[in-house]
Amino acid sequence: MSKSIADITKIIVDFSNERGWVNENPSFLLNAIFIELGELAEHYQWQSDFTKIRAANKNTRTEIGFEFVDVIIYLFRFAERSGIDIEEYFDKKMPKLAEKFKVGADHSKAHKE
């Protein structure tokens, strides 16, 4: 079943509230994002492309998938606790990116700016 960002955020908020995790310090949440991102990065360290990751066995792919979810959980919780609606800003940001990075344009200059 497909879930929106708002759906996922609500699941995370409800999960956290049910456990009494309502007063997280923003620094703790941000640090947790970095830690989980580091754990995800370990799977990609020294990889020159995605071939090995795509071809990894089911257990490794599950571990990697869970690391992605850990990052998302803390990131969405951090946004929610900060009063940031990710869906709202996603919808506002994508047109800006489309304007900056036009299809078929040379994007190397934009990355230097």
N, C-alpha and C. Protein backbone atom coordinates (compact mmCIF):
# COMPACT_ATOMS: atom_id res chain seq x y z
N MET A 1 0.85 -1.18 0.00
CA MET A 1 0.00 0.00 0.00
C MET A 1 0.89 1.24 0.00
N SER A 2 0.58 2.16 -0.85
CA SER A 2 1.33 3.39 -0.97
C SER A 2 0.99 4.35 0.17
N LYS A 3 2.02 5.02 0.69
CA LYS A 3 1.83 5.98 1.78
C LYS A 3 2.42 7.32 1.37
N SER A 4 1.73 8.38 1.74
CA SER A 4 2.24 9.72 1.49
C SER A 4 3.25 10.08 2.59
N ILE A 5 3.96 11.16 2.38
CA ILE A 5 4.88 11.66 3.40
C ILE A 5 4.10 11.97 4.67
N ALA A 6 2.91 12.54 4.52
CA ALA A 6 2.08 12.85 5.69
C ALA A 6 1.68 11.56 6.43
N ASP A 7 1.36 10.52 5.68
CA ASP A 7 1.01 9.23 6.30
C ASP A 7 2.19 8.67 7.10
N ILE A 8 3.36 8.69 6.47
CA ILE A 8 4.55 8.16 7.13
C ILE A 8 4.89 8.99 8.36
N THR A 9 4.80 10.30 8.24
CA THR A 9 5.07 11.17 9.38
C THR A 9 4.12 10.87 10.53
N LYS A 10 2.84 10.68 10.23
CA LYS A 10 1.86 10.36 11.28
C LYS A 10 2.19 9.03 11.96
N ILE A 11 2.58 8.04 11.19
CA ILE A 11 2.97 6.74 11.76
C ILE A 11 4.14 6.93 12.72
N ILE A 12 5.13 7.71 12.29
CA ILE A 12 6.32 7.95 13.12
C ILE A 12 5.95 8.73 14.38
N VAL A 13 5.13 9.76 14.23
CA VAL A 13 4.71 10.57 15.38
C VAL A 13 3.91 9.71 16.36
N ASP A 14 2.97 8.95 15.85
CA ASP A 14 2.17 8.07 16.73
C ASP A 14 3.05 7.06 17.45
N PHE A 15 3.97 6.45 16.73
CA PHE A 15 4.90 5.48 17.31
C PHE A 15 5.69 6.12 18.44
N SER A 16 6.22 7.33 18.17
CA SER A 16 7.02 8.04 19.17
C SER A 16 6.17 8.44 20.38
N ASN A 17 4.98 8.97 20.12
CA ASN A 17 4.10 9.40 21.21
C ASN A 17 3.67 8.23 22.09
N GLU A 18 3.38 7.09 21.47
CA GLU A 18 2.98 5.90 22.23
C GLU A 18 4.08 5.45 23.19
N ARG A 19 5.31 5.79 22.89
CA ARG A 19 6.44 5.40 23.73
C ARG A 19 6.92 6.53 24.64
N GLY A 20 6.22 7.66 24.57
CA GLY A 20 6.57 8.79 25.41
C GLY A 20 7.76 9.58 24.91
N TRP A 21 8.10 9.44 23.65
CA TRP A 21 9.23 10.16 23.06
C TRP A 21 8.74 11.49 22.51
N VAL A 22 8.35 12.40 23.37
CA VAL A 22 7.73 13.65 22.91
C VAL A 22 8.60 14.88 23.11
N ASN A 23 9.65 14.79 23.87
CA ASN A 23 10.47 15.97 24.16
C ASN A 23 11.90 15.82 23.69
N GLU A 24 12.08 15.26 22.47
CA GLU A 24 13.44 15.08 21.99
C GLU A 24 14.12 16.43 21.79
N ASN A 25 15.34 16.50 22.16
CA ASN A 25 16.17 17.66 21.91
C ASN A 25 16.51 17.67 20.42
N PRO A 26 16.37 18.80 19.72
CA PRO A 26 16.67 18.83 18.29
C PRO A 26 18.09 18.35 17.96
N SER A 27 19.04 18.66 18.83
CA SER A 27 20.41 18.21 18.59
C SER A 27 20.51 16.69 18.63
N PHE A 28 19.75 16.06 19.51
CA PHE A 28 19.76 14.59 19.60
C PHE A 28 19.20 13.98 18.32
N LEU A 29 18.10 14.55 17.82
CA LEU A 29 17.52 14.03 16.59
C LEU A 29 18.45 14.24 15.40
N LEU A 30 19.06 15.40 15.33
CA LEU A 30 19.99 15.67 14.23
C LEU A 30 21.19 14.73 14.30
N ASN A 31 21.72 14.53 15.49
CA ASN A 31 22.84 13.59 15.65
C ASN A 31 22.43 12.18 15.26
N ALA A 32 21.21 11.78 15.61
CA ALA A 32 20.72 10.45 15.25
C ALA A 32 20.66 10.30 13.73
N ILE A 33 20.25 11.36 13.03
CA ILE A 33 20.23 11.32 11.57
C ILE A 33 21.64 11.07 11.04
N PHE A 34 22.61 11.80 11.56
CA PHE A 34 24.00 11.63 11.12
C PHE A 34 24.51 10.22 11.39
N ILE A 35 24.20 9.70 12.56
CA ILE A 35 24.64 8.36 12.93
C ILE A 35 24.04 7.32 11.99
N GLU A 36 22.74 7.41 11.77
CA GLU A 36 22.09 6.45 10.88
C GLU A 36 22.57 6.61 9.44
N LEU A 37 22.81 7.84 9.01
CA LEU A 37 23.33 8.07 7.68
C LEU A 37 24.73 7.46 7.54
N GLY A 38 25.52 7.55 8.61
CA GLY A 38 26.85 6.92 8.61
C GLY A 38 26.75 5.41 8.48
N GLU A 39 25.77 4.82 9.17
CA GLU A 39 25.58 3.37 9.07
C GLU A 39 25.17 2.98 7.66
N LEU A 40 24.34 3.81 7.03
CA LEU A 40 23.96 3.57 5.64
C LEU A 40 25.18 3.71 4.73
N ALA A 41 25.97 4.75 4.97
CA ALA A 41 27.15 5.02 4.14
C ALA A 41 28.16 3.87 4.17
N GLU A 42 28.23 3.15 5.28
CA GLU A 42 29.16 2.02 5.38
C GLU A 42 28.91 0.99 4.28
N HIS A 43 27.66 0.82 3.89
CA HIS A 43 27.34 -0.15 2.84
C HIS A 43 27.83 0.30 1.47
N TYR A 44 28.02 1.60 1.31
CA TYR A 44 28.43 2.15 0.03
C TYR A 44 29.91 2.54 -0.01
N GLN A 45 30.55 2.47 1.15
CA GLN A 45 31.95 2.87 1.22
C GLN A 45 32.78 2.03 0.24
N TRP A 46 33.61 2.69 -0.51
CA TRP A 46 34.54 2.09 -1.46
C TRP A 46 33.84 1.49 -2.67
N GLN A 47 32.57 1.76 -2.87
CA GLN A 47 31.86 1.30 -4.06
C GLN A 47 31.99 2.37 -5.14
N SER A 48 32.33 1.97 -6.33
CA SER A 48 32.45 2.94 -7.42
C SER A 48 31.14 3.07 -8.21
N ASP A 49 30.23 2.14 -8.00
CA ASP A 49 28.92 2.22 -8.65
C ASP A 49 27.91 1.43 -7.81
N PHE A 50 26.71 1.33 -8.29
CA PHE A 50 25.64 0.68 -7.53
C PHE A 50 25.49 -0.80 -7.87
N THR A 51 26.33 -1.33 -8.75
CA THR A 51 26.18 -2.70 -9.21
C THR A 51 26.19 -3.70 -8.07
N LYS A 52 27.15 -3.58 -7.17
CA LYS A 52 27.24 -4.55 -6.06
C LYS A 52 26.05 -4.43 -5.11
N ILE A 53 25.61 -3.21 -4.89
CA ILE A 53 24.46 -3.00 -4.01
C ILE A 53 23.21 -3.61 -4.64
N ARG A 54 23.01 -3.35 -5.92
CA ARG A 54 21.84 -3.89 -6.61
C ARG A 54 21.86 -5.41 -6.66
N ALA A 55 23.06 -5.98 -6.71
CA ALA A 55 23.19 -7.43 -6.82
C ALA A 55 23.37 -8.11 -5.46
N ALA A 56 23.33 -7.35 -4.40
CA ALA A 56 23.54 -7.91 -3.06
C ALA A 56 22.47 -8.94 -2.72
N ASN A 57 22.83 -9.85 -1.82
CA ASN A 57 21.87 -10.87 -1.42
C ASN A 57 20.73 -10.24 -0.61
N LYS A 58 19.70 -11.03 -0.40
CA LYS A 58 18.48 -10.52 0.25
C LYS A 58 18.77 -9.96 1.64
N ASN A 59 19.60 -10.61 2.42
CA ASN A 59 19.91 -10.14 3.77
C ASN A 59 20.62 -8.79 3.75
N THR A 60 21.57 -8.64 2.84
CA THR A 60 22.29 -7.37 2.73
C THR A 60 21.35 -6.26 2.27
N ARG A 61 20.52 -6.55 1.29
CA ARG A 61 19.56 -5.55 0.80
C ARG A 61 18.59 -5.16 1.91
N THR A 62 18.19 -6.13 2.74
CA THR A 62 17.31 -5.83 3.88
C THR A 62 18.01 -4.92 4.86
N GLU A 63 19.27 -5.21 5.18
CA GLU A 63 20.05 -4.34 6.08
C GLU A 63 20.13 -2.93 5.54
N ILE A 64 20.41 -2.80 4.26
CA ILE A 64 20.51 -1.48 3.63
C ILE A 64 19.15 -0.78 3.65
N GLY A 65 18.11 -1.50 3.31
CA GLY A 65 16.77 -0.92 3.35
C GLY A 65 16.40 -0.42 4.73
N PHE A 66 16.74 -1.19 5.76
CA PHE A 66 16.44 -0.78 7.13
C PHE A 66 17.23 0.48 7.50
N GLU A 67 18.46 0.61 7.01
CA GLU A 67 19.24 1.82 7.29
C GLU A 67 18.59 3.04 6.63
N PHE A 68 18.09 2.87 5.40
CA PHE A 68 17.37 3.97 4.76
C PHE A 68 16.17 4.37 5.62
N VAL A 69 15.43 3.39 6.11
CA VAL A 69 14.25 3.68 6.92
C VAL A 69 14.65 4.37 8.23
N ASP A 70 15.74 3.94 8.85
CA ASP A 70 16.20 4.60 10.08
C ASP A 70 16.48 6.08 9.82
N VAL A 71 17.14 6.38 8.70
CA VAL A 71 17.42 7.78 8.34
C VAL A 71 16.11 8.54 8.16
N ILE A 72 15.19 7.95 7.43
CA ILE A 72 13.91 8.61 7.16
C ILE A 72 13.13 8.85 8.45
N ILE A 73 13.12 7.85 9.34
CA ILE A 73 12.38 8.02 10.60
C ILE A 73 12.90 9.22 11.37
N TYR A 74 14.20 9.29 11.56
CA TYR A 74 14.75 10.42 12.33
C TYR A 74 14.59 11.74 11.57
N LEU A 75 14.75 11.72 10.25
CA LEU A 75 14.61 12.94 9.47
C LEU A 75 13.17 13.47 9.52
N PHE A 76 12.20 12.58 9.36
CA PHE A 76 10.81 13.01 9.40
C PHE A 76 10.42 13.46 10.81
N ARG A 77 10.93 12.79 11.82
CA ARG A 77 10.64 13.19 13.20
C ARG A 77 11.24 14.56 13.47
N PHE A 78 12.45 14.78 13.00
CA PHE A 78 13.13 16.06 13.17
C PHE A 78 12.34 17.17 12.49
N ALA A 79 11.87 16.92 11.27
CA ALA A 79 11.08 17.91 10.55
C ALA A 79 9.77 18.19 11.29
N GLU A 80 9.10 17.14 11.73
CA GLU A 80 7.82 17.30 12.43
C GLU A 80 8.00 18.08 13.71
N ARG A 81 9.02 17.77 14.48
CA ARG A 81 9.27 18.47 15.74
C ARG A 81 9.66 19.92 15.49
N SER A 82 10.20 20.21 14.29
CA SER A 82 10.59 21.57 13.91
C SER A 82 9.45 22.34 13.26
N GLY A 83 8.31 21.69 13.08
CA GLY A 83 7.17 22.35 12.45
C GLY A 83 7.32 22.50 10.95
N ILE A 84 8.09 21.64 10.33
CA ILE A 84 8.31 21.69 8.88
C ILE A 84 7.49 20.60 8.20
N ASP A 85 6.62 21.01 7.29
CA ASP A 85 5.81 20.08 6.50
C ASP A 85 6.61 19.73 5.25
N ILE A 86 7.21 18.56 5.23
CA ILE A 86 8.08 18.16 4.12
C ILE A 86 7.32 18.17 2.80
N GLU A 87 6.09 17.70 2.79
CA GLU A 87 5.30 17.70 1.54
C GLU A 87 5.12 19.11 1.00
N GLU A 88 4.81 20.04 1.87
CA GLU A 88 4.60 21.42 1.44
C GLU A 88 5.86 21.98 0.79
N TYR A 89 7.00 21.79 1.45
CA TYR A 89 8.23 22.36 0.92
C TYR A 89 8.77 21.58 -0.27
N PHE A 90 8.47 20.30 -0.33
CA PHE A 90 8.82 19.52 -1.51
C PHE A 90 8.12 20.10 -2.73
N ASP A 91 6.82 20.35 -2.58
CA ASP A 91 6.03 20.90 -3.69
C ASP A 91 6.50 22.29 -4.10
N LYS A 92 7.04 23.05 -3.17
CA LYS A 92 7.56 24.38 -3.49
C LYS A 92 8.96 24.32 -4.08
N LYS A 93 9.77 23.35 -3.64
CA LYS A 93 11.17 23.27 -4.06
C LYS A 93 11.34 22.69 -5.46
N MET A 94 10.53 21.68 -5.82
CA MET A 94 10.72 21.02 -7.11
C MET A 94 10.61 21.97 -8.30
N PRO A 95 9.64 22.90 -8.33
CA PRO A 95 9.61 23.85 -9.46
C PRO A 95 10.87 24.73 -9.51
N LYS A 96 11.40 25.08 -8.35
CA LYS A 96 12.63 25.88 -8.32
C LYS A 96 13.80 25.08 -8.92
N LEU A 97 13.88 23.80 -8.56
CA LEU A 97 14.93 22.95 -9.11
C LEU A 97 14.75 22.75 -10.61
N ALA A 98 13.50 22.60 -11.04
CA ALA A 98 13.22 22.43 -12.47
C ALA A 98 13.65 23.67 -13.25
N GLU A 99 13.45 24.84 -12.66
CA GLU A 99 13.87 26.08 -13.31
C GLU A 99 15.39 26.19 -13.35
N LYS A 100 16.04 25.80 -12.28
CA LYS A 100 17.50 25.91 -12.20
C LYS A 100 18.19 24.86 -13.07
N PHE A 101 17.64 23.65 -13.10
CA PHE A 101 18.25 22.54 -13.83
C PHE A 101 17.32 22.11 -14.97
N LYS A 102 17.31 22.89 -16.01
CA LYS A 102 16.43 22.61 -17.15
C LYS A 102 16.89 21.34 -17.87
N VAL A 103 15.92 20.59 -18.38
CA VAL A 103 16.21 19.37 -19.12
C VAL A 103 17.04 19.72 -20.35
N GLY A 104 18.15 18.99 -20.52
CA GLY A 104 19.01 19.18 -21.68
C GLY A 104 20.06 20.26 -21.52
N ALA A 105 20.04 21.00 -20.41
CA ALA A 105 21.02 22.07 -20.20
C ALA A 105 22.31 21.49 -19.63
N ASP A 106 23.38 22.27 -19.73
CA ASP A 106 24.67 21.90 -19.13
C ASP A 106 24.62 22.28 -17.65
N HIS A 107 24.53 21.29 -16.80
CA HIS A 107 24.36 21.53 -15.37
C HIS A 107 25.67 21.66 -14.59
N SER A 108 26.78 21.45 -15.26
CA SER A 108 28.06 21.54 -14.56
C SER A 108 28.28 22.94 -13.98
N LYS A 109 27.86 23.99 -14.68
CA LYS A 109 28.01 25.35 -14.20
C LYS A 109 27.13 25.60 -12.96
N ALA A 110 25.90 25.10 -12.97
CA ALA A 110 24.99 25.31 -11.84
C ALA A 110 25.51 24.66 -10.57
N HIS A 111 26.19 23.52 -10.69
CA HIS A 111 26.74 22.85 -9.52
C HIS A 111 27.91 23.62 -8.92
N LYS A 112 28.60 24.42 -9.73
CA LYS A 112 29.72 25.21 -9.23
C LYS A 112 29.24 26.44 -8.49
N GLU A 113 28.03 26.90 -8.78
CA GLU A 113 27.48 28.11 -8.15
C GLU A 113 27.02 27.83 -6.82
